[in-house]
Amino acid sequence: MTAPKIVGELDLSNLSHAAASLPRRRKNLNLHPVLEDPVQRLFNAMAPGTYVRPHRHDRPNGWEIMLAVRGAFSILIFDDAGAVLERIDLGAAHGATAVEIPARAWHTVVVMDPDTVMFEVKPGPYSPLGDKDFAAWAPLEGEAGTERFVAWYEAAVPGEKPPSLPGAETG
């Protein structure tokens, strides 16, 4: 018999501290043993300022569940052009606690509190090249403009359109 996996407060604190010190400002702790596992389940520690490029899981079983364990974060759901359709505020101590994002929905995460940790469940297997379809209307991770997108995410409300990308034509 396999031993139970136990994750405690110290584990989550260490995960949060590690996330805050990394360039991407996030770090996950997988509970599933291999990326090929049919059910992906993980803790994801995120620090304010992390940029999560809007994406979707473009397959019939591309849903995912996010649960607030510590801190607070918001999920933004977008239309195909990047306009905000819905903002879902989640918090471990206030507001909604969990959300299930439907398959094929454009979405992102914005962290509202330090030491935020979410728990995610989604169908596997995980393939880094095929798991996500990234939005063309948002900058790549590490590109100019990501800080502006994070600032927009923090206050975005339904109906708002994304900031224009650096170098994009206006008019």
Foldseek 3Di string as FASTA:
>chain_A
DDDDDDDDPVNLVVQLVVLCPDPQSKDKDWPDPDLQDFKTKIKMWGFAPHFDFWWFQADQQGKKKKFWPAAKKWKFWADLQAATAAIAIDHPVDHHGMDIGGHPTTMDMGGDDRSTMMMMIGTDNDDPVRRIDGRPQDDDPPDPPRSVQNVCRVDHHGPDHGDGDVPDDDD
